[in-house]
PDB file of N, CA and C in Angstrom:
ATOM      1  N   MET A   1      34.143-169.503 160.253  1.00  0.00           N
ATOM      2  CA  MET A   1      34.359-168.065 160.394  1.00  0.00           C
ATOM      3  C   MET A   1      33.152-167.325 159.810  1.00  0.00           C
ATOM      4  N   ILE A   2      32.697-166.339 160.500  1.00  0.00           N
ATOM      5  CA  ILE A   2      31.549-165.540 160.072  1.00  0.00           C
ATOM      6  C   ILE A   2      32.026-164.511 159.051  1.00  0.00           C
ATOM      7  N   ALA A   3      31.221-164.276 158.020  1.00  0.00           N
ATOM      8  CA  ALA A   3      31.606-163.373 156.936  1.00  0.00           C
ATOM      9  C   ALA A   3      31.936-161.967 157.432  1.00  0.00           C
ATOM     10  N   GLU A   4      31.253-161.505 158.479  1.00  0.00           N
ATOM     11  CA  GLU A   4      31.495-160.144 158.977  1.00  0.00           C
ATOM     12  C   GLU A   4      32.895-159.989 159.568  1.00  0.00           C
ATOM     13  N   GLU A   5      33.509-161.105 159.923  1.00  0.00           N
ATOM     14  CA  GLU A   5      34.844-161.055 160.514  1.00  0.00           C
ATOM     15  C   GLU A   5      35.935-160.912 159.459  1.00  0.00           C
ATOM     16  N   ARG A   6      35.573-161.043 158.201  1.00  0.00           N
ATOM     17  CA  ARG A   6      36.559-160.965 157.124  1.00  0.00           C
ATOM     18  C   ARG A   6      36.470-159.623 156.416  1.00  0.00           C
ATOM     19  N   MET A   7      37.611-159.173 155.927  1.00  0.00           N
ATOM     20  CA  MET A   7      37.658-157.916 155.172  1.00  0.00           C
ATOM     21  C   MET A   7      38.327-158.173 153.830  1.00  0.00           C
ATOM     22  N   THR A   8      37.933-157.411 152.827  1.00  0.00           N
ATOM     23  CA  THR A   8      38.568-157.515 151.518  1.00  0.00           C
ATOM     24  C   THR A   8      39.844-156.688 151.503  1.00  0.00           C
ATOM     25  N   ILE A   9      40.645-156.889 150.480  1.00  0.00           N
ATOM     26  CA  ILE A   9      41.885-156.129 150.366  1.00  0.00           C
ATOM     27  C   ILE A   9      41.601-154.635 150.228  1.00  0.00           C
ATOM     28  N   THR A  10      40.507-154.282 149.572  1.00  0.00           N
ATOM     29  CA  THR A  10      40.145-152.877 149.411  1.00  0.00           C
ATOM     30  C   THR A  10      39.813-152.250 150.759  1.00  0.00           C
ATOM     31  N   GLU A  11      39.044-152.958 151.589  1.00  0.00           N
ATOM     32  CA  GLU A  11      38.700-152.447 152.915  1.00  0.00           C
ATOM     33  C   GLU A  11      39.945-152.286 153.779  1.00  0.00           C
ATOM     34  N   VAL A  12      40.824-153.280 153.749  1.00  0.00           N
ATOM     35  CA  VAL A  12      42.053-153.226 154.539  1.00  0.00           C
ATOM     36  C   VAL A  12      42.916-152.061 154.073  1.00  0.00           C
ATOM     37  N   ALA A  13      43.075-151.919 152.771  1.00  0.00           N
ATOM     38  CA  ALA A  13      43.913-150.852 152.223  1.00  0.00           C
ATOM     39  C   ALA A  13      43.397-149.478 152.628  1.00  0.00           C
ATOM     40  N   GLU A  14      42.094-149.275 152.556  1.00  0.00           N
ATOM     41  CA  GLU A  14      41.517-147.988 152.953  1.00  0.00           C
ATOM     42  C   GLU A  14      41.790-147.691 154.422  1.00  0.00           C
ATOM     43  N   LYS A  15      41.668-148.712 155.265  1.00  0.00           N
ATOM     44  CA  LYS A  15      41.854-148.500 156.704  1.00  0.00           C
ATOM     45  C   LYS A  15      43.292-148.197 157.083  1.00  0.00           C
ATOM     46  N   ILE A  16      44.255-148.753 156.332  1.00  0.00           N
ATOM     47  CA  ILE A  16      45.657-148.499 156.683  1.00  0.00           C
ATOM     48  C   ILE A  16      46.286-147.399 155.839  1.00  0.00           C
ATOM     49  N   GLY A  17      45.525-146.872 154.871  1.00  0.00           N
ATOM     50  CA  GLY A  17      45.990-145.713 154.120  1.00  0.00           C
ATOM     51  C   GLY A  17      46.907-146.003 152.949  1.00  0.00           C
ATOM     52  N   VAL A  18      46.732-147.160 152.318  1.00  0.00           N
ATOM     53  CA  VAL A  18      47.495-147.485 151.115  1.00  0.00           C
ATOM     54  C   VAL A  18      46.529-147.974 150.041  1.00  0.00           C
ATOM     55  N   VAL A  19      47.039-148.193 148.852  1.00  0.00           N
ATOM     56  CA  VAL A  19      46.216-148.772 147.790  1.00  0.00           C
ATOM     57  C   VAL A  19      46.387-150.290 147.813  1.00  0.00           C
ATOM     58  N   PRO A  20      45.401-151.039 147.338  1.00  0.00           N
ATOM     59  CA  PRO A  20      45.503-152.501 147.358  1.00  0.00           C
ATOM     60  C   PRO A  20      46.775-153.037 146.688  1.00  0.00           C
ATOM     61  N   LYS A  21      47.214-152.398 145.625  1.00  0.00           N
ATOM     62  CA  LYS A  21      48.418-152.845 144.920  1.00  0.00           C
ATOM     63  C   LYS A  21      49.639-152.848 145.844  1.00  0.00           C
ATOM     64  N   THR A  22      49.694-151.929 146.795  1.00  0.00           N
ATOM     65  CA  THR A  22      50.805-151.877 147.747  1.00  0.00           C
ATOM     66  C   THR A  22      50.822-153.133 148.613  1.00  0.00           C
ATOM     67  N   ILE A  23      49.666-153.553 149.089  1.00  0.00           N
ATOM     68  CA  ILE A  23      49.592-154.770 149.905  1.00  0.00           C
ATOM     69  C   ILE A  23      50.022-155.976 149.082  1.00  0.00           C
ATOM     70  N   ILE A  24      49.607-156.020 147.825  1.00  0.00           N
ATOM     71  CA  ILE A  24      50.002-157.123 146.951  1.00  0.00           C
ATOM     72  C   ILE A  24      51.520-157.137 146.766  1.00  0.00           C
ATOM     73  N   ARG A  25      52.130-155.965 146.604  1.00  0.00           N
ATOM     74  CA  ARG A  25      53.591-155.893 146.474  1.00  0.00           C
ATOM     75  C   ARG A  25      54.271-156.376 147.747  1.00  0.00           C
ATOM     76  N   TRP A  26      53.748-155.995 148.907  1.00  0.00           N
ATOM     77  CA  TRP A  26      54.312-156.451 150.178  1.00  0.00           C
ATOM     78  C   TRP A  26      54.228-157.968 150.281  1.00  0.00           C
ATOM     79  N   GLU A  27      53.107-158.543 149.851  1.00  0.00           N
ATOM     80  CA  GLU A  27      52.953-159.999 149.883  1.00  0.00           C
ATOM     81  C   GLU A  27      53.961-160.669 148.951  1.00  0.00           C
ATOM     82  N   ASN A  28      54.074-160.154 147.739  1.00  0.00           N
ATOM     83  CA  ASN A  28      54.962-160.759 146.745  1.00  0.00           C
ATOM     84  C   ASN A  28      56.432-160.663 147.143  1.00  0.00           C
ATOM     85  N   SER A  29      56.795-159.628 147.878  1.00  0.00           N
ATOM     86  CA  SER A  29      58.185-159.465 148.297  1.00  0.00           C
ATOM     87  C   SER A  29      58.475-160.166 149.622  1.00  0.00           C
ATOM     88  N   GLY A  30      57.443-160.740 150.251  1.00  0.00           N
ATOM     89  CA  GLY A  30      57.635-161.479 151.489  1.00  0.00           C
ATOM     90  C   GLY A  30      57.646-160.609 152.736  1.00  0.00           C
ATOM     91  N   LYS A  31      57.283-159.356 152.619  1.00  0.00           N
ATOM     92  CA  LYS A  31      57.279-158.465 153.784  1.00  0.00           C
ATOM     93  C   LYS A  31      56.111-158.757 154.718  1.00  0.00           C
ATOM     94  N   VAL A  32      55.002-159.216 154.147  1.00  0.00           N
ATOM     95  CA  VAL A  32      53.841-159.613 154.946  1.00  0.00           C
ATOM     96  C   VAL A  32      53.363-160.979 154.462  1.00  0.00           C
ATOM     97  N   ARG A  33      52.603-161.643 155.325  1.00  0.00           N
ATOM     98  CA  ARG A  33      52.055-162.959 154.979  1.00  0.00           C
ATOM     99  C   ARG A  33      51.054-162.850 153.842  1.00  0.00           C
ATOM    100  N   LYS A  34      51.022-163.846 152.976  1.00  0.00           N
ATOM    101  CA  LYS A  34      50.026-163.869 151.905  1.00  0.00           C
ATOM    102  C   LYS A  34      48.642-164.102 152.499  1.00  0.00           C
ATOM    103  N   ALA A  35      47.663-163.411 151.955  1.00  0.00           N
ATOM    104  CA  ALA A  35      46.289-163.522 152.440  1.00  0.00           C
ATOM    105  C   ALA A  35      45.665-164.834 151.977  1.00  0.00           C
ATOM    106  N   LYS A  36      44.713-165.286 152.748  1.00  0.00           N
ATOM    107  CA  LYS A  36      43.920-166.441 152.329  1.00  0.00           C
ATOM    108  C   LYS A  36      42.967-165.971 151.240  1.00  0.00           C
ATOM    109  N   ARG A  37      42.453-166.919 150.481  1.00  0.00           N
ATOM    110  CA  ARG A  37      41.527-166.590 149.396  1.00  0.00           C
ATOM    111  C   ARG A  37      40.164-167.219 149.675  1.00  0.00           C
ATOM    112  N   ASP A  38      39.121-166.520 149.215  1.00  0.00           N
ATOM    113  CA  ASP A  38      37.781-167.094 149.356  1.00  0.00           C
ATOM    114  C   ASP A  38      37.473-167.939 148.119  1.00  0.00           C
ATOM    115  N   TRP A  39      36.264-168.404 148.001  1.00  0.00           N
ATOM    116  CA  TRP A  39      35.880-169.286 146.905  1.00  0.00           C
ATOM    117  C   TRP A  39      35.991-168.613 145.549  1.00  0.00           C
ATOM    118  N   ARG A  40      35.992-167.272 145.522  1.00  0.00           N
ATOM    119  CA  ARG A  40      36.121-166.547 144.254  1.00  0.00           C
ATOM    120  C   ARG A  40      37.573-166.285 143.896  1.00  0.00           C
ATOM    121  N   GLY A  41      38.483-166.551 144.845  1.00  0.00           N
ATOM    122  CA  GLY A  41      39.887-166.262 144.619  1.00  0.00           C
ATOM    123  C   GLY A  41      40.284-164.885 145.134  1.00  0.00           C
ATOM    124  N   TRP A  42      39.363-164.192 145.786  1.00  0.00           N
ATOM    125  CA  TRP A  42      39.650-162.862 146.322  1.00  0.00           C
ATOM    126  C   TRP A  42      40.393-162.989 147.639  1.00  0.00           C
ATOM    127  N   ARG A  43      41.297-162.063 147.897  1.00  0.00           N
ATOM    128  CA  ARG A  43      42.006-162.039 149.172  1.00  0.00           C
ATOM    129  C   ARG A  43      41.032-161.635 150.280  1.00  0.00           C
ATOM    130  N   VAL A  44      41.088-162.363 151.402  1.00  0.00           N
ATOM    131  CA  VAL A  44      40.274-162.020 152.566  1.00  0.00           C
ATOM    132  C   VAL A  44      41.174-161.996 153.793  1.00  0.00           C
ATOM    133  N   TYR A  45      40.894-161.065 154.685  1.00  0.00           N
ATOM    134  CA  TYR A  45      41.718-160.850 155.868  1.00  0.00           C
ATOM    135  C   TYR A  45      40.866-160.965 157.120  1.00  0.00           C
ATOM    136  N   THR A  46      41.401-161.660 158.108  1.00  0.00           N
ATOM    137  CA  THR A  46      40.748-161.729 159.407  1.00  0.00           C
ATOM    138  C   THR A  46      41.191-160.512 160.218  1.00  0.00           C
ATOM    139  N   LYS A  47      40.585-160.322 161.372  1.00  0.00           N
ATOM    140  CA  LYS A  47      40.994-159.225 162.262  1.00  0.00           C
ATOM    141  C   LYS A  47      42.463-159.360 162.635  1.00  0.00           C
ATOM    142  N   GLU A  48      42.897-160.585 162.917  1.00  0.00           N
ATOM    143  CA  GLU A  48      44.292-160.820 163.303  1.00  0.00           C
ATOM    144  C   GLU A  48      45.247-160.455 162.164  1.00  0.00           C
ATOM    145  N   GLU A  49      44.906-160.860 160.952  1.00  0.00           N
ATOM    146  CA  GLU A  49      45.752-160.525 159.796  1.00  0.00           C
ATOM    147  C   GLU A  49      45.758-159.015 159.548  1.00  0.00           C
ATOM    148  N   PHE A  50      44.606-158.390 159.746  1.00  0.00           N
ATOM    149  CA  PHE A  50      44.536-156.933 159.620  1.00  0.00           C
ATOM    150  C   PHE A  50      45.450-156.266 160.646  1.00  0.00           C
ATOM    151  N   ASN A  51      45.396-156.729 161.885  1.00  0.00           N
ATOM    152  CA  ASN A  51      46.248-156.164 162.934  1.00  0.00           C
ATOM    153  C   ASN A  51      47.726-156.358 162.622  1.00  0.00           C
ATOM    154  N   ASP A  52      48.085-157.491 162.015  1.00  0.00           N
ATOM    155  CA  ASP A  52      49.471-157.726 161.598  1.00  0.00           C
ATOM    156  C   ASP A  52      49.891-156.702 160.551  1.00  0.00           C
ATOM    157  N   LEU A  53      49.002-156.396 159.617  1.00  0.00           N
ATOM    158  CA  LEU A  53      49.308-155.389 158.598  1.00  0.00           C
ATOM    159  C   LEU A  53      49.457-154.003 159.218  1.00  0.00           C
ATOM    160  N   VAL A  54      48.595-153.679 160.163  1.00  0.00           N
ATOM    161  CA  VAL A  54      48.690-152.385 160.853  1.00  0.00           C
ATOM    162  C   VAL A  54      50.038-152.284 161.565  1.00  0.00           C
ATOM    163  N   SER A  55      50.439-153.336 162.234  1.00  0.00           N
ATOM    164  CA  SER A  55      51.741-153.336 162.921  1.00  0.00           C
ATOM    165  C   SER A  55      52.879-153.143 161.929  1.00  0.00           C
ATOM    166  N   PHE A  56      52.793-153.788 160.783  1.00  0.00           N
ATOM    167  CA  PHE A  56      53.826-153.634 159.755  1.00  0.00           C
ATOM    168  C   PHE A  56      53.894-152.187 159.269  1.00  0.00           C
ATOM    169  N   VAL A  57      52.742-151.602 159.005  1.00  0.00           N
ATOM    170  CA  VAL A  57      52.709-150.207 158.524  1.00  0.00           C
ATOM    171  C   VAL A  57      53.288-149.271 159.570  1.00  0.00           C
ATOM    172  N   GLU A  58      53.010-149.518 160.838  1.00  0.00           N
ATOM    173  CA  GLU A  58      53.544-148.668 161.898  1.00  0.00           C
ATOM    174  C   GLU A  58      55.069-148.711 161.952  1.00  0.00           C
ATOM    175  N   THR A  59      55.672-149.829 161.543  1.00  0.00           N
ATOM    176  CA  THR A  59      57.143-149.907 161.520  1.00  0.00           C
ATOM    177  C   THR A  59      57.720-149.083 160.383  1.00  0.00           C
ATOM    178  N   LEU A  60      56.897-148.784 159.374  1.00  0.00           N
ATOM    179  CA  LEU A  60      57.382-148.010 158.234  1.00  0.00           C
ATOM    180  C   LEU A  60      57.437-146.515 158.502  1.00  0.00           C
ATOM    181  N   TYR A  61      56.545-146.024 159.370  1.00  0.00           N
ATOM    182  CA  TYR A  61      56.451-144.587 159.580  1.00  0.00           C
ATOM    183  C   TYR A  61      56.910-144.230 160.944  1.00  0.00           C
TER     184      TYR A  61
END
């Protein structure tokens, strides 16, 4: 996977209009899939995972 195809939790949160802590809460409660981690232990999201999060947010509003 090319690095440009991955997004950090901060980038994802900004794009969907929430704070990163909200995504972490959704993961911990099982509402969304847990993100994969990179070599540093940081959450990374692919385009597909990002689209899944967008779909989830759309069900909320």
